Structures are given as C-alpha cells and as structure tokens.
Amino acid sequence: MLLCVLVAALALVAFLIWRNTEAVSSWVEKSLRPRFPNAARTVCERITTFGDGLRTIHGVSSFLQLVGLSTLIWLLIAVAYVQVAHAYPGRYGI
C-alpha cells in the first residue's frame, strides 16, 4: 500500500513538473536558497532538465511506445535473472 502511495506521489510530482516546470523550479529555489544556495541551483537545473525531458513525450502514441519499450527491457532483464538462477543448481537455483 505504501508503495502505491509513493508511486502516485511521484507521478503527481512528475505531472506538476511537466505542466509547470518553471514555477516548480522557482518555488524549489526560493525554498532552498536561504539555507542551501548551491544545492538550490543544482536542484533547479535538474528540475528544468527533467521537465525538458518530459516534454519529449508529445502524445499518447509516444507514451505507449515508451511504455512498450520499457516493458520489453524489464522483461529481458527478468529473463536474464531467471537464466542466471538456472545456471546455479541447488540452493539458489530454480
């Protein structure tokens, strides 16, 4: 349950950054600058870069293509783990 809440919160943050990159960046900078000026600048640069990266997804078709590619990559990783587990019989093998 906690994982679902965490994923939903991160999705909301990503949506807010996609929607209002400059506003989120300036809010974070205003919040962090008094105590951590160097960190504020670095975090704001990363928020802006992340927002620019989110803008490369132009529509539902692009999003679905990215989801499909990501799923394929994770499935290949899972297959690799299973193959490694089969390579070691006994205690750790499947």
C-alpha atoms as a PDB file:
ATOM      1  CA  MET A   1       0.000   0.000   0.000  1.00  0.00           C
ATOM      2  CA  LEU A   2       2.822   2.357   0.894  1.00  0.00           C
ATOM      3  CA  LEU A   3       4.484   1.654  -2.450  1.00  0.00           C
ATOM      4  CA  CYS A   4       1.277   2.594  -4.297  1.00  0.00           C
ATOM      5  CA  VAL A   5       1.085   5.879  -2.395  1.00  0.00           C
ATOM      6  CA  LEU A   6       4.742   6.608  -3.123  1.00  0.00           C
ATOM      7  CA  VAL A   7       4.337   5.874  -6.846  1.00  0.00           C
ATOM      8  CA  ALA A   8       1.205   8.043  -7.008  1.00  0.00           C
ATOM      9  CA  ALA A   9       3.013  10.905  -5.243  1.00  0.00           C
ATOM     10  CA  LEU A  10       5.974  10.665  -7.623  1.00  0.00           C
ATOM     11  CA  ALA A  11       3.621  10.576 -10.613  1.00  0.00           C
ATOM     12  CA  LEU A  12       1.928  13.720  -9.297  1.00  0.00           C
ATOM     13  CA  VAL A  13       5.288  15.469  -8.891  1.00  0.00           C
ATOM     14  CA  ALA A  14       6.276  14.447 -12.439  1.00  0.00           C
ATOM     15  CA  PHE A  15       2.950  15.762 -13.755  1.00  0.00           C
ATOM     16  CA  LEU A  16       3.417  19.065 -11.936  1.00  0.00           C
ATOM     17  CA  ILE A  17       6.942  19.417 -13.297  1.00  0.00           C
ATOM     18  CA  TRP A  18       5.687  18.626 -16.822  1.00  0.00           C
ATOM     19  CA  ARG A  19       2.864  21.116 -16.511  1.00  0.00           C
ATOM     20  CA  ASN A  20       4.713  23.993 -14.779  1.00  0.00           C
ATOM     21  CA  THR A  21       8.462  23.396 -14.966  1.00  0.00           C
ATOM     22  CA  GLU A  22       9.473  26.999 -14.349  1.00  0.00           C
ATOM     23  CA  ALA A  23       7.014  27.510 -11.486  1.00  0.00           C
ATOM     24  CA  VAL A  24       8.139  24.346  -9.674  1.00  0.00           C
ATOM     25  CA  SER A  25      11.780  25.210 -10.252  1.00  0.00           C
ATOM     26  CA  SER A  26      11.410  28.742  -8.908  1.00  0.00           C
ATOM     27  CA  TRP A  27       9.415  27.513  -5.877  1.00  0.00           C
ATOM     28  CA  VAL A  28      12.110  24.974  -5.009  1.00  0.00           C
ATOM     29  CA  GLU A  29      14.807  27.607  -5.474  1.00  0.00           C
ATOM     30  CA  LYS A  30      13.008  30.067  -3.195  1.00  0.00           C
ATOM     31  CA  SER A  31      12.558  27.350  -0.591  1.00  0.00           C
ATOM     32  CA  LEU A  32      16.151  26.087  -0.626  1.00  0.00           C
ATOM     33  CA  ARG A  33      18.187  29.214  -1.412  1.00  0.00           C
ATOM     34  CA  PRO A  34      18.311  30.733   2.107  1.00  0.00           C
ATOM     35  CA  ARG A  35      19.894  27.646   3.672  1.00  0.00           C
ATOM     36  CA  PHE A  36      21.476  25.784   0.741  1.00  0.00           C
ATOM     37  CA  PRO A  37      22.308  28.161  -2.140  1.00  0.00           C
ATOM     38  CA  ASN A  38      24.492  25.718  -4.101  1.00  0.00           C
ATOM     39  CA  ALA A  39      22.037  22.857  -3.698  1.00  0.00           C
ATOM     40  CA  ALA A  40      19.166  25.138  -4.726  1.00  0.00           C
ATOM     41  CA  ARG A  41      20.884  25.986  -8.005  1.00  0.00           C
ATOM     42  CA  THR A  42      21.743  22.350  -8.736  1.00  0.00           C
ATOM     43  CA  VAL A  43      18.259  21.050  -7.922  1.00  0.00           C
ATOM     44  CA  CYS A  44      16.631  23.748 -10.056  1.00  0.00           C
ATOM     45  CA  GLU A  45      18.854  22.874 -13.011  1.00  0.00           C
ATOM     46  CA  ARG A  46      17.887  19.219 -12.647  1.00  0.00           C
ATOM     47  CA  ILE A  47      14.181  20.041 -12.371  1.00  0.00           C
ATOM     48  CA  THR A  48      14.418  22.121 -15.548  1.00  0.00           C
ATOM     49  CA  THR A  49      16.284  19.350 -17.372  1.00  0.00           C
ATOM     50  CA  PHE A  50      13.756  16.755 -16.183  1.00  0.00           C
ATOM     51  CA  GLY A  51      10.878  18.975 -17.345  1.00  0.00           C
ATOM     52  CA  ASP A  52      12.522  19.379 -20.752  1.00  0.00           C
ATOM     53  CA  GLY A  53      12.876  15.603 -20.977  1.00  0.00           C
ATOM     54  CA  LEU A  54       9.203  15.121 -20.134  1.00  0.00           C
ATOM     55  CA  ARG A  55       8.280  17.456 -22.977  1.00  0.00           C
ATOM     56  CA  THR A  56       9.720  14.979 -25.500  1.00  0.00           C
ATOM     57  CA  ILE A  57       6.621  12.811 -24.983  1.00  0.00           C
ATOM     58  CA  HIS A  58       4.307  14.515 -27.463  1.00  0.00           C
ATOM     59  CA  GLY A  59       1.200  12.390 -27.243  1.00  0.00           C
ATOM     60  CA  VAL A  60      -0.469   9.154 -26.267  1.00  0.00           C
ATOM     61  CA  SER A  61       1.197   7.271 -29.120  1.00  0.00           C
ATOM     62  CA  SER A  62       4.687   8.320 -27.994  1.00  0.00           C
ATOM     63  CA  PHE A  63       3.827   7.465 -24.394  1.00  0.00           C
ATOM     64  CA  LEU A  64       2.562   3.996 -25.333  1.00  0.00           C
ATOM     65  CA  GLN A  65       5.691   3.364 -27.400  1.00  0.00           C
ATOM     66  CA  LEU A  66       7.849   4.292 -24.420  1.00  0.00           C
ATOM     67  CA  VAL A  67       5.797   2.079 -22.090  1.00  0.00           C
ATOM     68  CA  GLY A  68       6.148  -0.829 -24.530  1.00  0.00           C
ATOM     69  CA  LEU A  69       9.898  -0.348 -24.872  1.00  0.00           C
ATOM     70  CA  SER A  70      10.345  -0.052 -21.109  1.00  0.00           C
ATOM     71  CA  THR A  71       8.268  -3.189 -20.524  1.00  0.00           C
ATOM     72  CA  LEU A  72      10.310  -5.104 -23.104  1.00  0.00           C
ATOM     73  CA  ILE A  73      13.578  -4.045 -21.467  1.00  0.00           C
ATOM     74  CA  TRP A  74      12.344  -5.093 -17.999  1.00  0.00           C
ATOM     75  CA  LEU A  75      11.142  -8.444 -19.363  1.00  0.00           C
ATOM     76  CA  LEU A  76      14.572  -9.070 -20.876  1.00  0.00           C
ATOM     77  CA  ILE A  77      16.170  -8.233 -17.529  1.00  0.00           C
ATOM     78  CA  ALA A  78      13.797 -10.681 -15.796  1.00  0.00           C
ATOM     79  CA  VAL A  79      14.686 -13.409 -18.301  1.00  0.00           C
ATOM     80  CA  ALA A  80      18.379 -12.768 -17.652  1.00  0.00           C
ATOM     81  CA  TYR A  81      17.828 -13.171 -13.900  1.00  0.00           C
ATOM     82  CA  VAL A  82      15.956 -16.444 -14.431  1.00  0.00           C
ATOM     83  CA  GLN A  83      18.724 -17.741 -16.684  1.00  0.00           C
ATOM     84  CA  VAL A  84      21.347 -16.894 -14.079  1.00  0.00           C
ATOM     85  CA  ALA A  85      19.265 -18.625 -11.387  1.00  0.00           C
ATOM     86  CA  HIS A  86      19.062 -21.748 -13.585  1.00  0.00           C
ATOM     87  CA  ALA A  87      22.825 -21.680 -14.072  1.00  0.00           C
ATOM     88  CA  TYR A  88      23.394 -22.320 -10.360  1.00  0.00           C
ATOM     89  CA  PRO A  89      21.579 -25.503  -9.332  1.00  0.00           C
ATOM     90  CA  GLY A  90      20.945 -26.371  -5.762  1.00  0.00           C
ATOM     91  CA  ARG A  91      20.442 -23.831  -3.053  1.00  0.00           C
ATOM     92  CA  TYR A  92      19.865 -20.757  -5.239  1.00  0.00           C
ATOM     93  CA  GLY A  93      18.644 -22.412  -8.419  1.00  0.00           C
ATOM     94  CA  ILE A  94      15.082 -22.648  -9.572  1.00  0.00           C
END
